[in-house]
C-alpha atoms as a PDB file:
ATOM      1  CA  MET A   1      57.387  26.919 -14.142  1.00  0.00           C
ATOM      2  CA  ALA A   2      55.321  26.486 -10.941  1.00  0.00           C
ATOM      3  CA  LEU A   3      57.083  23.214 -10.239  1.00  0.00           C
ATOM      4  CA  ASP A   4      60.484  24.831 -10.795  1.00  0.00           C
ATOM      5  CA  VAL A   5      59.645  27.595  -8.313  1.00  0.00           C
ATOM      6  CA  LEU A   6      58.448  25.038  -5.765  1.00  0.00           C
ATOM      7  CA  ARG A   7      61.562  22.914  -6.164  1.00  0.00           C
ATOM      8  CA  ASP A   8      63.901  25.918  -5.979  1.00  0.00           C
ATOM      9  CA  THR A   9      62.249  27.269  -2.814  1.00  0.00           C
ATOM     10  CA  TRP A  10      62.491  23.974  -0.964  1.00  0.00           C
ATOM     11  CA  GLU A  11      66.022  23.259  -2.170  1.00  0.00           C
ATOM     12  CA  LYS A  12      67.060  26.580  -0.634  1.00  0.00           C
ATOM     13  CA  LEU A  13      65.148  25.939   2.579  1.00  0.00           C
ATOM     14  CA  GLY A  14      66.663  22.478   2.887  1.00  0.00           C
ATOM     15  CA  GLY A  15      70.084  24.050   2.650  1.00  0.00           C
ATOM     16  CA  VAL A  16      69.681  26.926   5.115  1.00  0.00           C
ATOM     17  CA  ASP A  17      66.817  26.218   7.535  1.00  0.00           C
ATOM     18  CA  PRO A  18      65.342  22.732   7.011  1.00  0.00           C
ATOM     19  CA  LEU A  19      63.735  22.167  10.418  1.00  0.00           C
ATOM     20  CA  TRP A  20      62.021  25.552  10.521  1.00  0.00           C
ATOM     21  CA  ALA A  21      60.788  25.023   6.950  1.00  0.00           C
ATOM     22  CA  VAL A  22      58.871  21.950   8.138  1.00  0.00           C
ATOM     23  CA  LEU A  23      57.523  23.437  11.376  1.00  0.00           C
ATOM     24  CA  THR A  24      57.503  27.218  10.945  1.00  0.00           C
ATOM     25  CA  ASP A  25      57.557  28.309  14.550  1.00  0.00           C
ATOM     26  CA  PRO A  26      58.570  32.019  14.369  1.00  0.00           C
ATOM     27  CA  GLY A  27      60.850  31.614  17.382  1.00  0.00           C
ATOM     28  CA  ARG A  28      62.784  28.733  15.760  1.00  0.00           C
ATOM     29  CA  ARG A  29      63.738  30.420  12.507  1.00  0.00           C
ATOM     30  CA  ASP A  30      67.391  30.615  11.403  1.00  0.00           C
ATOM     31  CA  GLY A  31      68.418  27.274  12.845  1.00  0.00           C
ATOM     32  CA  ARG A  32      66.957  27.700  16.334  1.00  0.00           C
ATOM     33  CA  TRP A  33      65.132  24.360  16.365  1.00  0.00           C
ATOM     34  CA  ASP A  34      66.759  21.785  18.640  1.00  0.00           C
ATOM     35  CA  VAL A  35      67.012  18.601  16.567  1.00  0.00           C
ATOM     36  CA  GLU A  36      65.877  16.248  19.340  1.00  0.00           C
ATOM     37  CA  GLU A  37      62.932  18.454  20.268  1.00  0.00           C
ATOM     38  CA  PHE A  38      61.967  18.697  16.616  1.00  0.00           C
ATOM     39  CA  MET A  39      62.113  14.957  16.008  1.00  0.00           C
ATOM     40  CA  LYS A  40      59.969  14.287  19.097  1.00  0.00           C
ATOM     41  CA  THR A  41      57.045  16.037  17.371  1.00  0.00           C
ATOM     42  CA  GLY A  42      56.886  13.172  14.836  1.00  0.00           C
ATOM     43  CA  PRO A  43      55.469  10.465  17.129  1.00  0.00           C
ATOM     44  CA  GLU A  44      52.821  12.895  18.369  1.00  0.00           C
ATOM     45  CA  ALA A  45      51.661  13.649  14.814  1.00  0.00           C
ATOM     46  CA  VAL A  46      51.682   9.965  13.834  1.00  0.00           C
ATOM     47  CA  GLY A  47      49.758   9.145  16.999  1.00  0.00           C
ATOM     48  CA  GLN A  48      47.053  11.584  15.961  1.00  0.00           C
ATOM     49  CA  VAL A  49      46.895   9.913  12.553  1.00  0.00           C
ATOM     50  CA  ARG A  50      46.558   6.478  14.155  1.00  0.00           C
ATOM     51  CA  THR A  51      43.695   7.770  16.319  1.00  0.00           C
ATOM     52  CA  LEU A  52      42.043   9.179  13.221  1.00  0.00           C
ATOM     53  CA  LEU A  53      42.385   5.839  11.419  1.00  0.00           C
ATOM     54  CA  GLY A  54      40.721   3.859  14.201  1.00  0.00           C
ATOM     55  CA  GLU A  55      40.774   0.210  13.227  1.00  0.00           C
ATOM     56  CA  ARG A  56      42.427   0.925   9.869  1.00  0.00           C
ATOM     57  CA  THR A  57      46.219   1.062   9.464  1.00  0.00           C
ATOM     58  CA  LEU A  58      48.666   2.343   6.886  1.00  0.00           C
ATOM     59  CA  GLY A  59      50.011  -1.204   6.543  1.00  0.00           C
ATOM     60  CA  SER A  60      53.497  -2.666   6.621  1.00  0.00           C
ATOM     61  CA  ARG A  61      55.000  -0.698   3.702  1.00  0.00           C
ATOM     62  CA  VAL A  62      54.283   3.037   3.968  1.00  0.00           C
ATOM     63  CA  LEU A  63      55.155   6.079   1.859  1.00  0.00           C
ATOM     64  CA  ASP A  64      55.805   9.425   3.565  1.00  0.00           C
ATOM     65  CA  PHE A  65      55.128  11.933   0.801  1.00  0.00           C
ATOM     66  CA  GLY A  66      56.960  15.240   1.222  1.00  0.00           C
ATOM     67  CA  CYS A  67      59.103  13.744   3.959  1.00  0.00           C
ATOM     68  CA  GLY A  68      61.313  16.773   4.535  1.00  0.00           C
ATOM     69  CA  VAL A  69      64.004  15.762   7.021  1.00  0.00           C
ATOM     70  CA  GLY A  70      62.195  12.560   8.029  1.00  0.00           C
ATOM     71  CA  ARG A  71      60.262  13.713  11.078  1.00  0.00           C
ATOM     72  CA  LEU A  72      57.232  11.534  10.282  1.00  0.00           C
ATOM     73  CA  SER A  73      59.162   8.793   8.487  1.00  0.00           C
ATOM     74  CA  ASN A  74      61.071   7.901  11.624  1.00  0.00           C
ATOM     75  CA  ALA A  75      57.911   7.983  13.711  1.00  0.00           C
ATOM     76  CA  LEU A  76      56.129   5.710  11.227  1.00  0.00           C
ATOM     77  CA  ALA A  77      58.916   3.156  11.587  1.00  0.00           C
ATOM     78  CA  ALA A  78      57.497   2.163  14.969  1.00  0.00           C
ATOM     79  CA  HIS A  79      54.347   0.908  13.224  1.00  0.00           C
ATOM     80  CA  ALA A  80      55.528  -0.384   9.831  1.00  0.00           C
ATOM     81  CA  ASP A  81      58.086  -2.845   8.492  1.00  0.00           C
ATOM     82  CA  ARG A  82      59.268  -0.500   5.758  1.00  0.00           C
ATOM     83  CA  VAL A  83      58.950   3.295   5.362  1.00  0.00           C
ATOM     84  CA  VAL A  84      60.029   5.264   2.311  1.00  0.00           C
ATOM     85  CA  GLY A  85      60.244   9.046   2.536  1.00  0.00           C
ATOM     86  CA  VAL A  86      60.187  10.975  -0.723  1.00  0.00           C
ATOM     87  CA  ASP A  87      60.784  14.683  -1.295  1.00  0.00           C
ATOM     88  CA  ILE A  88      61.199  17.168  -4.122  1.00  0.00           C
ATOM     89  CA  ALA A  89      64.236  18.808  -2.468  1.00  0.00           C
ATOM     90  CA  SER A  90      67.541  16.936  -2.596  1.00  0.00           C
ATOM     91  CA  THR A  91      68.817  19.065   0.298  1.00  0.00           C
ATOM     92  CA  MET A  92      65.940  17.854   2.466  1.00  0.00           C
ATOM     93  CA  VAL A  93      66.584  14.243   1.488  1.00  0.00           C
ATOM     94  CA  ALA A  94      70.277  14.608   2.339  1.00  0.00           C
ATOM     95  CA  ARG A  95      69.437  15.968   5.789  1.00  0.00           C
ATOM     96  CA  ALA A  96      66.841  13.220   6.307  1.00  0.00           C
ATOM     97  CA  ARG A  97      69.499  10.592   5.622  1.00  0.00           C
ATOM     98  CA  GLU A  98      71.756  12.221   8.218  1.00  0.00           C
ATOM     99  CA  LEU A  99      68.952  12.170  10.814  1.00  0.00           C
ATOM    100  CA  ASN A 100      67.704   8.669   9.988  1.00  0.00           C
ATOM    101  CA  ARG A 101      67.169   6.885  13.318  1.00  0.00           C
ATOM    102  CA  ASN A 102      65.998   3.642  11.676  1.00  0.00           C
ATOM    103  CA  PRO A 103      68.225   2.916   8.666  1.00  0.00           C
ATOM    104  CA  ASP A 104      67.203  -0.743   8.670  1.00  0.00           C
ATOM    105  CA  ARG A 105      63.544   0.175   8.042  1.00  0.00           C
ATOM    106  CA  VAL A 106      63.537   3.734   6.650  1.00  0.00           C
ATOM    107  CA  GLU A 107      64.976   5.020   3.388  1.00  0.00           C
ATOM    108  CA  PHE A 108      64.786   8.409   1.709  1.00  0.00           C
ATOM    109  CA  VAL A 109      64.363   9.062  -2.008  1.00  0.00           C
ATOM    110  CA  HIS A 110      64.550  12.244  -4.074  1.00  0.00           C
ATOM    111  CA  TYR A 111      62.155  12.759  -6.993  1.00  0.00           C
ATOM    112  CA  ASP A 112      61.491  15.423  -9.619  1.00  0.00           C
ATOM    113  CA  GLY A 113      58.018  16.460  -8.468  1.00  0.00           C
ATOM    114  CA  ARG A 114      56.248  14.738 -11.349  1.00  0.00           C
ATOM    115  CA  LEU A 115      56.222  10.937 -11.401  1.00  0.00           C
ATOM    116  CA  LEU A 116      56.980   9.040  -8.207  1.00  0.00           C
ATOM    117  CA  PRO A 117      59.849   6.567  -8.816  1.00  0.00           C
ATOM    118  CA  PHE A 118      57.859   3.580  -7.565  1.00  0.00           C
ATOM    119  CA  GLU A 119      55.909   0.758  -9.161  1.00  0.00           C
ATOM    120  CA  ASP A 120      52.117   0.725  -9.241  1.00  0.00           C
ATOM    121  CA  ALA A 121      50.482  -0.592  -6.047  1.00  0.00           C
ATOM    122  CA  SER A 122      53.860  -0.869  -4.307  1.00  0.00           C
ATOM    123  CA  PHE A 123      52.740   0.575  -0.936  1.00  0.00           C
ATOM    124  CA  ASP A 124      50.102  -0.435   1.582  1.00  0.00           C
ATOM    125  CA  GLY A 125      49.542   3.152   2.625  1.00  0.00           C
ATOM    126  CA  ALA A 126      50.712   6.732   2.219  1.00  0.00           C
ATOM    127  CA  LEU A 127      50.816   9.749   4.517  1.00  0.00           C
ATOM    128  CA  SER A 128      51.202  13.428   3.614  1.00  0.00           C
ATOM    129  CA  LEU A 129      50.787  16.200   6.192  1.00  0.00           C
ATOM    130  CA  ILE A 130      51.498  19.961   5.772  1.00  0.00           C
ATOM    131  CA  VAL A 131      53.008  19.295   2.345  1.00  0.00           C
ATOM    132  CA  LEU A 132      50.514  19.627  -0.507  1.00  0.00           C
ATOM    133  CA  GLN A 133      49.428  23.037   0.783  1.00  0.00           C
ATOM    134  CA  HIS A 134      52.692  24.532  -0.500  1.00  0.00           C
ATOM    135  CA  ALA A 135      52.141  23.426  -4.114  1.00  0.00           C
ATOM    136  CA  ARG A 136      49.926  25.071  -6.698  1.00  0.00           C
ATOM    137  CA  PRO A 137      46.665  23.260  -7.504  1.00  0.00           C
ATOM    138  CA  TRP A 138      47.783  21.465 -10.661  1.00  0.00           C
ATOM    139  CA  VAL A 139      50.837  20.164  -8.792  1.00  0.00           C
ATOM    140  CA  GLN A 140      48.598  19.044  -5.920  1.00  0.00           C
ATOM    141  CA  ILE A 141      46.313  17.186  -8.318  1.00  0.00           C
ATOM    142  CA  GLY A 142      49.249  15.449  -9.984  1.00  0.00           C
ATOM    143  CA  ALA A 143      50.593  14.394  -6.592  1.00  0.00           C
ATOM    144  CA  LEU A 144      47.233  12.964  -5.509  1.00  0.00           C
ATOM    145  CA  LEU A 145      46.975  10.952  -8.725  1.00  0.00           C
ATOM    146  CA  GLU A 146      50.485   9.601  -8.194  1.00  0.00           C
ATOM    147  CA  LEU A 147      49.685   8.628  -4.597  1.00  0.00           C
ATOM    148  CA  LEU A 148      46.617   6.750  -5.804  1.00  0.00           C
ATOM    149  CA  ARG A 149      48.789   4.972  -8.363  1.00  0.00           C
ATOM    150  CA  VAL A 150      51.430   3.713  -5.944  1.00  0.00           C
ATOM    151  CA  VAL A 151      49.087   2.632  -3.117  1.00  0.00           C
ATOM    152  CA  ARG A 152      47.626  -0.844  -3.648  1.00  0.00           C
ATOM    153  CA  PRO A 153      43.875  -1.448  -3.947  1.00  0.00           C
ATOM    154  CA  GLY A 154      42.464  -1.740  -0.440  1.00  0.00           C
ATOM    155  CA  GLY A 155      45.303   0.389   0.946  1.00  0.00           C
ATOM    156  CA  THR A 156      44.910   3.659   2.846  1.00  0.00           C
ATOM    157  CA  LEU A 157      45.917   7.247   2.159  1.00  0.00           C
ATOM    158  CA  VAL A 158      45.956  10.024   4.748  1.00  0.00           C
ATOM    159  CA  VAL A 159      46.469  13.462   3.217  1.00  0.00           C
ATOM    160  CA  GLN A 160      45.986  16.986   4.557  1.00  0.00           C
ATOM    161  CA  ILE A 161      45.001  19.808   2.183  1.00  0.00           C
ATOM    162  CA  PRO A 162      43.607  23.314   2.810  1.00  0.00           C
ATOM    163  CA  SER A 163      40.181  23.854   1.275  1.00  0.00           C
ATOM    164  CA  ALA A 164      39.888  27.657   1.258  1.00  0.00           C
ATOM    165  CA  ARG A 165      41.291  30.785   2.852  1.00  0.00           C
ATOM    166  CA  ARG A 166      39.184  32.021   5.733  1.00  0.00           C
ATOM    167  CA  ALA A 167      37.959  35.594   5.588  1.00  0.00           C
ATOM    168  CA  PRO A 168      40.233  37.636   7.874  1.00  0.00           C
ATOM    169  CA  VAL A 169      38.653  38.774  11.112  1.00  0.00           C
ATOM    170  CA  PRO A 170      39.221  42.475  11.890  1.00  0.00           C
ATOM    171  CA  MET A 171      40.775  43.286  15.228  1.00  0.00           C
ATOM    172  CA  PRO A 172      39.079  45.800  17.544  1.00  0.00           C
ATOM    173  CA  GLU A 173      39.573  49.304  16.139  1.00  0.00           C
ATOM    174  CA  GLU A 174      41.707  50.342  19.106  1.00  0.00           C
ATOM    175  CA  ALA A 175      44.161  47.516  18.276  1.00  0.00           C
ATOM    176  CA  TYR A 176      45.353  49.429  15.207  1.00  0.00           C
ATOM    177  CA  ARG A 177      47.699  51.703  17.168  1.00  0.00           C
ATOM    178  CA  ALA A 178      51.463  51.634  16.699  1.00  0.00           C
ATOM    179  CA  ASP A 179      54.634  53.658  16.895  1.00  0.00           C
ATOM    180  CA  ILE A 180      56.857  53.197  13.845  1.00  0.00           C
ATOM    181  CA  GLU A 181      60.393  54.519  14.300  1.00  0.00           C
ATOM    182  CA  VAL A 182      62.651  54.547  11.243  1.00  0.00           C
ATOM    183  CA  LEU A 183      66.093  53.293  12.243  1.00  0.00           C
ATOM    184  CA  GLU A 184      67.833  53.296   8.881  1.00  0.00           C
ATOM    185  CA  ALA A 185      66.811  54.649   5.476  1.00  0.00           C
ATOM    186  CA  PRO A 186      68.697  56.079   2.502  1.00  0.00           C
ATOM    187  CA  SER A 187      68.458  59.791   1.740  1.00  0.00           C
ATOM    188  CA  VAL A 188      69.105  59.194  -1.961  1.00  0.00           C
ATOM    189  CA  LEU A 189      68.111  56.373  -4.320  1.00  0.00           C
ATOM    190  CA  GLY A 190      68.214  55.923  -8.062  1.00  0.00           C
ATOM    191  CA  VAL A 191      65.128  55.037 -10.072  1.00  0.00           C
ATOM    192  CA  GLY A 192      64.548  51.296  -9.772  1.00  0.00           C
ATOM    193  CA  GLN A 193      67.170  50.955  -7.043  1.00  0.00           C
ATOM    194  CA  SER A 194      66.249  48.823  -4.035  1.00  0.00           C
ATOM    195  CA  ALA A 195      67.243  49.276  -0.412  1.00  0.00           C
ATOM    196  CA  LEU A 196      66.417  47.882   3.005  1.00  0.00           C
ATOM    197  CA  VAL A 197      64.639  50.307   5.326  1.00  0.00           C
ATOM    198  CA  ARG A 198      64.887  49.264   8.979  1.00  0.00           C
ATOM    199  CA  ALA A 199      62.264  50.246  11.519  1.00  0.00           C
ATOM    200  CA  ARG A 200      61.286  49.564  15.112  1.00  0.00           C
ATOM    201  CA  VAL A 201      57.556  48.943  15.573  1.00  0.00           C
ATOM    202  CA  THR A 202      55.835  49.139  18.962  1.00  0.00           C
ATOM    203  CA  ASN A 203      52.326  47.923  19.741  1.00  0.00           C
ATOM    204  CA  LEU A 204      50.691  50.920  21.461  1.00  0.00           C
ATOM    205  CA  SER A 205      47.332  49.208  21.887  1.00  0.00           C
ATOM    206  CA  GLU A 206      46.003  47.034  24.687  1.00  0.00           C
ATOM    207  CA  HIS A 207      45.480  44.128  22.287  1.00  0.00           C
ATOM    208  CA  PRO A 208      48.055  41.558  21.089  1.00  0.00           C
ATOM    209  CA  TRP A 209      48.757  41.406  17.375  1.00  0.00           C
ATOM    210  CA  PRO A 210      48.640  37.777  16.164  1.00  0.00           C
ATOM    211  CA  GLY A 211      51.872  36.371  14.769  1.00  0.00           C
ATOM    212  CA  THR A 212      50.370  35.382  11.438  1.00  0.00           C
ATOM    213  CA  LYS A 213      51.231  36.353   7.889  1.00  0.00           C
ATOM    214  CA  THR A 214      48.203  38.662   7.771  1.00  0.00           C
ATOM    215  CA  ILE A 215      49.906  41.569   9.593  1.00  0.00           C
ATOM    216  CA  LYS A 216      52.925  43.172   7.914  1.00  0.00           C
ATOM    217  CA  LEU A 217      54.905  46.379   7.680  1.00  0.00           C
ATOM    218  CA  GLY A 218      54.657  47.856   4.201  1.00  0.00           C
ATOM    219  CA  ASN A 219      55.325  51.088   2.393  1.00  0.00           C
ATOM    220  CA  HIS A 220      53.902  53.627  -0.045  1.00  0.00           C
ATOM    221  CA  TRP A 221      55.633  56.325  -2.102  1.00  0.00           C
ATOM    222  CA  ARG A 222      54.177  59.854  -2.188  1.00  0.00           C
ATOM    223  CA  SER A 223      54.926  63.172  -3.851  1.00  0.00           C
ATOM    224  CA  GLY A 224      53.002  65.868  -2.040  1.00  0.00           C
ATOM    225  CA  ASP A 225      49.366  64.789  -2.081  1.00  0.00           C
ATOM    226  CA  GLU A 226      49.969  62.385  -4.970  1.00  0.00           C
ATOM    227  CA  VAL A 227      50.315  58.657  -4.306  1.00  0.00           C
ATOM    228  CA  VAL A 228      53.133  57.600  -6.626  1.00  0.00           C
ATOM    229  CA  LEU A 229      53.050  53.933  -5.631  1.00  0.00           C
ATOM    230  CA  LEU A 230      50.502  52.575  -3.171  1.00  0.00           C
ATOM    231  CA  ASP A 231      52.002  49.175  -2.539  1.00  0.00           C
ATOM    232  CA  ASP A 232      55.738  48.397  -2.584  1.00  0.00           C
ATOM    233  CA  GLY A 233      57.581  46.264  -0.025  1.00  0.00           C
ATOM    234  CA  ARG A 234      56.315  43.989   2.744  1.00  0.00           C
ATOM    235  CA  ALA A 235      57.821  42.391   5.868  1.00  0.00           C
ATOM    236  CA  GLY A 236      55.944  40.161   8.285  1.00  0.00           C
ATOM    237  CA  LEU A 237      55.855  40.139  12.067  1.00  0.00           C
ATOM    238  CA  PRO A 238      58.444  37.803  13.615  1.00  0.00           C
ATOM    239  CA  ALA A 239      55.888  36.495  16.122  1.00  0.00           C
ATOM    240  CA  MET A 240      52.881  37.537  18.187  1.00  0.00           C
ATOM    241  CA  VAL A 241      53.398  41.106  19.455  1.00  0.00           C
ATOM    242  CA  ALA A 242      52.049  41.779  22.929  1.00  0.00           C
ATOM    243  CA  PRO A 243      50.808  45.208  24.089  1.00  0.00           C
ATOM    244  CA  GLY A 244      53.790  47.486  24.653  1.00  0.00           C
ATOM    245  CA  GLU A 245      56.169  45.092  22.903  1.00  0.00           C
ATOM    246  CA  SER A 246      58.524  46.211  20.110  1.00  0.00           C
ATOM    247  CA  PHE A 247      60.245  44.444  17.253  1.00  0.00           C
ATOM    248  CA  GLU A 248      62.681  45.472  14.544  1.00  0.00           C
ATOM    249  CA  VAL A 249      62.112  44.648  10.905  1.00  0.00           C
ATOM    250  CA  GLY A 250      63.608  45.469   7.520  1.00  0.00           C
ATOM    251  CA  VAL A 251      61.351  46.361   4.594  1.00  0.00           C
ATOM    252  CA  PRO A 252      62.762  46.073   1.048  1.00  0.00           C
ATOM    253  CA  VAL A 253      61.742  49.149  -0.953  1.00  0.00           C
ATOM    254  CA  THR A 254      62.268  50.134  -4.590  1.00  0.00           C
ATOM    255  CA  ALA A 255      62.286  53.730  -5.825  1.00  0.00           C
ATOM    256  CA  PRO A 256      59.540  54.139  -8.455  1.00  0.00           C
ATOM    257  CA  ARG A 257      60.459  57.409 -10.229  1.00  0.00           C
ATOM    258  CA  ALA A 258      62.732  60.429 -10.044  1.00  0.00           C
ATOM    259  CA  GLY A 259      61.833  63.357  -7.804  1.00  0.00           C
ATOM    260  CA  GLU A 260      61.609  64.511  -4.208  1.00  0.00           C
ATOM    261  CA  LEU A 261      59.490  61.696  -2.781  1.00  0.00           C
ATOM    262  CA  VAL A 262      58.271  60.640   0.641  1.00  0.00           C
ATOM    263  CA  LEU A 263      58.560  57.017   1.740  1.00  0.00           C
ATOM    264  CA  GLU A 264      55.643  56.163   3.998  1.00  0.00           C
ATOM    265  CA  LEU A 265      55.843  53.143   6.325  1.00  0.00           C
ATOM    266  CA  ASP A 266      52.639  51.713   7.764  1.00  0.00           C
ATOM    267  CA  LEU A 267      51.310  48.443   9.124  1.00  0.00           C
ATOM    268  CA  VAL A 268      48.703  46.533   7.159  1.00  0.00           C
ATOM    269  CA  HIS A 269      46.226  43.861   8.213  1.00  0.00           C
ATOM    270  CA  GLU A 270      46.002  42.049   4.895  1.00  0.00           C
ATOM    271  CA  MET A 271      42.529  42.130   3.307  1.00  0.00           C
ATOM    272  CA  VAL A 272      41.298  44.280   6.235  1.00  0.00           C
ATOM    273  CA  ALA A 273      42.939  47.705   6.529  1.00  0.00           C
ATOM    274  CA  TRP A 274      46.078  49.787   6.708  1.00  0.00           C
ATOM    275  CA  TRP A 275      46.678  51.142  10.206  1.00  0.00           C
ATOM    276  CA  GLU A 276      46.326  54.757   8.934  1.00  0.00           C
ATOM    277  CA  SER A 277      42.784  54.126   7.693  1.00  0.00           C
ATOM    278  CA  ALA A 278      41.915  52.857  11.173  1.00  0.00           C
ATOM    279  CA  GLY A 279      43.278  55.955  12.863  1.00  0.00           C
ATOM    280  CA  GLY A 280      46.963  55.030  13.080  1.00  0.00           C
ATOM    281  CA  THR A 281      49.920  57.234  12.137  1.00  0.00           C
ATOM    282  CA  PRO A 282      52.485  56.070   9.561  1.00  0.00           C
ATOM    283  CA  ALA A 283      56.166  57.035   9.582  1.00  0.00           C
ATOM    284  CA  ARG A 284      57.427  59.239   6.759  1.00  0.00           C
ATOM    285  CA  VAL A 285      60.940  59.696   5.359  1.00  0.00           C
ATOM    286  CA  PRO A 286      61.921  62.139   2.575  1.00  0.00           C
ATOM    287  CA  ILE A 287      64.052  60.498  -0.126  1.00  0.00           C
ATOM    288  CA  THR A 288      65.543  62.077  -3.206  1.00  0.00           C
ATOM    289  CA  VAL A 289      65.163  59.750  -6.172  1.00  0.00           C
ATOM    290  CA  THR A 290      67.601  60.468  -8.989  1.00  0.00           C
ATOM    291  CA  ALA A 291      67.734  59.184 -12.543  1.00  0.00           C
ATOM    292  CA  ALA A 292      71.047  57.453 -11.760  1.00  0.00           C
ATOM    293  CA  PRO A 293      71.774  54.980  -8.911  1.00  0.00           C
ATOM    294  CA  ALA A 294      72.940  56.464  -5.621  1.00  0.00           C
ATOM    295  CA  PRO A 295      76.503  55.746  -4.409  1.00  0.00           C
ATOM    296  CA  PRO A 296      76.633  52.273  -2.797  1.00  0.00           C
ATOM    297  CA  SER A 297      77.934  53.662   0.512  1.00  0.00           C
ATOM    298  CA  GLU A 298      74.696  55.575   1.024  1.00  0.00           C
ATOM    299  CA  VAL A 299      72.410  52.598   0.529  1.00  0.00           C
ATOM    300  CA  THR A 300      71.883  49.397   2.524  1.00  0.00           C
ATOM    301  CA  PRO A 301      71.174  46.795  -0.193  1.00  0.00           C
ATOM    302  CA  ALA A 302      67.893  44.952   0.146  1.00  0.00           C
ATOM    303  CA  GLY A 303      69.832  41.696  -0.064  1.00  0.00           C
ATOM    304  CA  GLU A 304      68.359  38.240  -0.570  1.00  0.00           C
ATOM    305  CA  ALA A 305      65.340  37.478   1.591  1.00  0.00           C
ATOM    306  CA  HIS A 306      65.139  34.352   3.733  1.00  0.00           C
ATOM    307  CA  PRO A 307      63.763  31.623   1.427  1.00  0.00           C
ATOM    308  CA  GLY A 308      60.909  31.161   3.888  1.00  0.00           C
ATOM    309  CA  GLU A 309      59.430  34.345   2.435  1.00  0.00           C
ATOM    310  CA  GLN A 310      58.945  32.399  -0.814  1.00  0.00           C
ATOM    311  CA  ILE A 311      56.825  29.637   0.749  1.00  0.00           C
ATOM    312  CA  GLU A 312      53.461  29.560  -1.007  1.00  0.00           C
ATOM    313  CA  MET A 313      50.097  28.408   0.322  1.00  0.00           C
ATOM    314  CA  HIS A 314      47.384  26.969  -1.924  1.00  0.00           C
ATOM    315  CA  ALA A 315      44.064  25.207  -1.463  1.00  0.00           C
ATOM    316  CA  LEU A 316      41.971  22.579  -3.200  1.00  0.00           C
ATOM    317  CA  HIS A 317      38.318  22.879  -2.256  1.00  0.00           C
ATOM    318  CA  THR A 318      37.089  19.888  -0.279  1.00  0.00           C
ATOM    319  CA  GLU A 319      34.260  19.204  -2.726  1.00  0.00           C
ATOM    320  CA  PHE A 320      36.777  18.970  -5.565  1.00  0.00           C
ATOM    321  CA  VAL A 321      39.145  16.739  -3.572  1.00  0.00           C
ATOM    322  CA  GLN A 322      36.393  14.310  -2.651  1.00  0.00           C
ATOM    323  CA  ALA A 323      35.060  14.276  -6.220  1.00  0.00           C
ATOM    324  CA  LEU A 324      38.584  13.575  -7.546  1.00  0.00           C
ATOM    325  CA  PHE A 325      39.060  10.620  -5.232  1.00  0.00           C
ATOM    326  CA  GLY A 326      35.620   9.284  -6.150  1.00  0.00           C
ATOM    327  CA  HIS A 327      36.290   9.682  -9.867  1.00  0.00           C
ATOM    328  CA  CYS A 328      39.471   7.619  -9.453  1.00  0.00           C
ATOM    329  CA  GLY A 329      37.589   4.802  -7.749  1.00  0.00           C
ATOM    330  CA  ALA A 330      38.758   5.576  -4.217  1.00  0.00           C
ATOM    331  CA  GLU A 331      36.485   6.064  -1.199  1.00  0.00           C
ATOM    332  CA  VAL A 332      36.807   8.968   1.201  1.00  0.00           C
ATOM    333  CA  ILE A 333      36.254   7.378   4.603  1.00  0.00           C
ATOM    334  CA  ALA A 334      36.555  10.683   6.475  1.00  0.00           C
ATOM    335  CA  ALA A 335      37.250  14.364   5.817  1.00  0.00           C
ATOM    336  CA  VAL A 336      38.171  15.780   9.200  1.00  0.00           C
ATOM    337  CA  PRO A 337      38.617  19.544   9.746  1.00  0.00           C
ATOM    338  CA  ASP A 338      42.060  20.439  11.108  1.00  0.00           C
ATOM    339  CA  GLU A 339      44.181  23.473  11.973  1.00  0.00           C
ATOM    340  CA  ALA A 340      47.295  22.206  10.200  1.00  0.00           C
ATOM    341  CA  ALA A 341      47.450  25.082   7.715  1.00  0.00           C
ATOM    342  CA  GLY A 342      47.083  27.778  10.363  1.00  0.00           C
ATOM    343  CA  GLU A 343      44.220  29.990  11.421  1.00  0.00           C
ATOM    344  CA  GLU A 344      44.051  31.675   8.011  1.00  0.00           C
ATOM    345  CA  TRP A 345      42.910  28.489   6.270  1.00  0.00           C
ATOM    346  CA  GLU A 346      40.043  26.018   6.385  1.00  0.00           C
ATOM    347  CA  SER A 347      41.771  22.647   6.101  1.00  0.00           C
ATOM    348  CA  PHE A 348      40.894  18.939   6.074  1.00  0.00           C
ATOM    349  CA  THR A 349      42.700  15.674   6.685  1.00  0.00           C
ATOM    350  CA  TYR A 350      41.312  12.969   4.400  1.00  0.00           C
ATOM    351  CA  VAL A 351      41.285   9.257   5.142  1.00  0.00           C
ATOM    352  CA  VAL A 352      40.948   7.494   1.814  1.00  0.00           C
ATOM    353  CA  SER A 353      40.505   3.815   0.999  1.00  0.00           C
ATOM    354  CA  ARG A 354      42.205   2.907  -2.252  1.00  0.00           C
END
């Protein structure tokens, strides 16, 4: 099931927004990455890996695990005789083949997410950056075991994996100030019916709000003083929001029960506080919820979210990772802290001798 969800998410991303899915710059979503600019980030990343390796190398035959559209595979071709990129998403592999700058030395292979379609000890080295973090732990473990299988004894693996989520750091209290203006909301919904509520949010504080997944616009449902549903929809910030800056966002909401209800929109700093609890003021919209669905003309359907909203993040604690490699007879040469998973995560890049 977890593997099916992972595969489905990345198949969709490979079809609609493959470059952004690899490097999730908020300003490049929905196809706004320039291909040449994107591909130029590969040599920089591979250069950092080569610096990390020091006198070691990945060898002449290298596997790029979770290759996406081939950003790193093509960069690795400058330092290896043969590079094979492998990915769980056939849409990503198809795009990688289109963007292949080194067809004489680089090939791309699709696999099912379980067993790599390669012989034992068939690679000198393997590289995997910002990939395993999107798979659930048992999938990560299976992938690590497969990488150990296909890299020859004496070969080198370089893999990046988050270790744990960092505790969120509260912003200054005065940063939790916003104006939330409802732009579009239904007046009537049926029980269980979903709709998209659009709002304009303005940062009224003197502090920037970080463009991370920890700050979102969400909603509650109330009936008088009663909280009918505390936590319903969520929509993230498109990017960092500077003081005085505004952005528009759509929150998918679902009516919980019949009655004269109030939809309450408020910002939330995940695992820290809702803006209201820090002195902010939410927006409120009265909505009549009927036992039957409202006429379609009165409701903006919630629609299908961008598949990027389905990207998951998971960690394997560094002590476990190092113990796993040791148990399999490999040696961890280095476990170097990195920022590859974003500021929310403690992450390490491991250099492993097979």
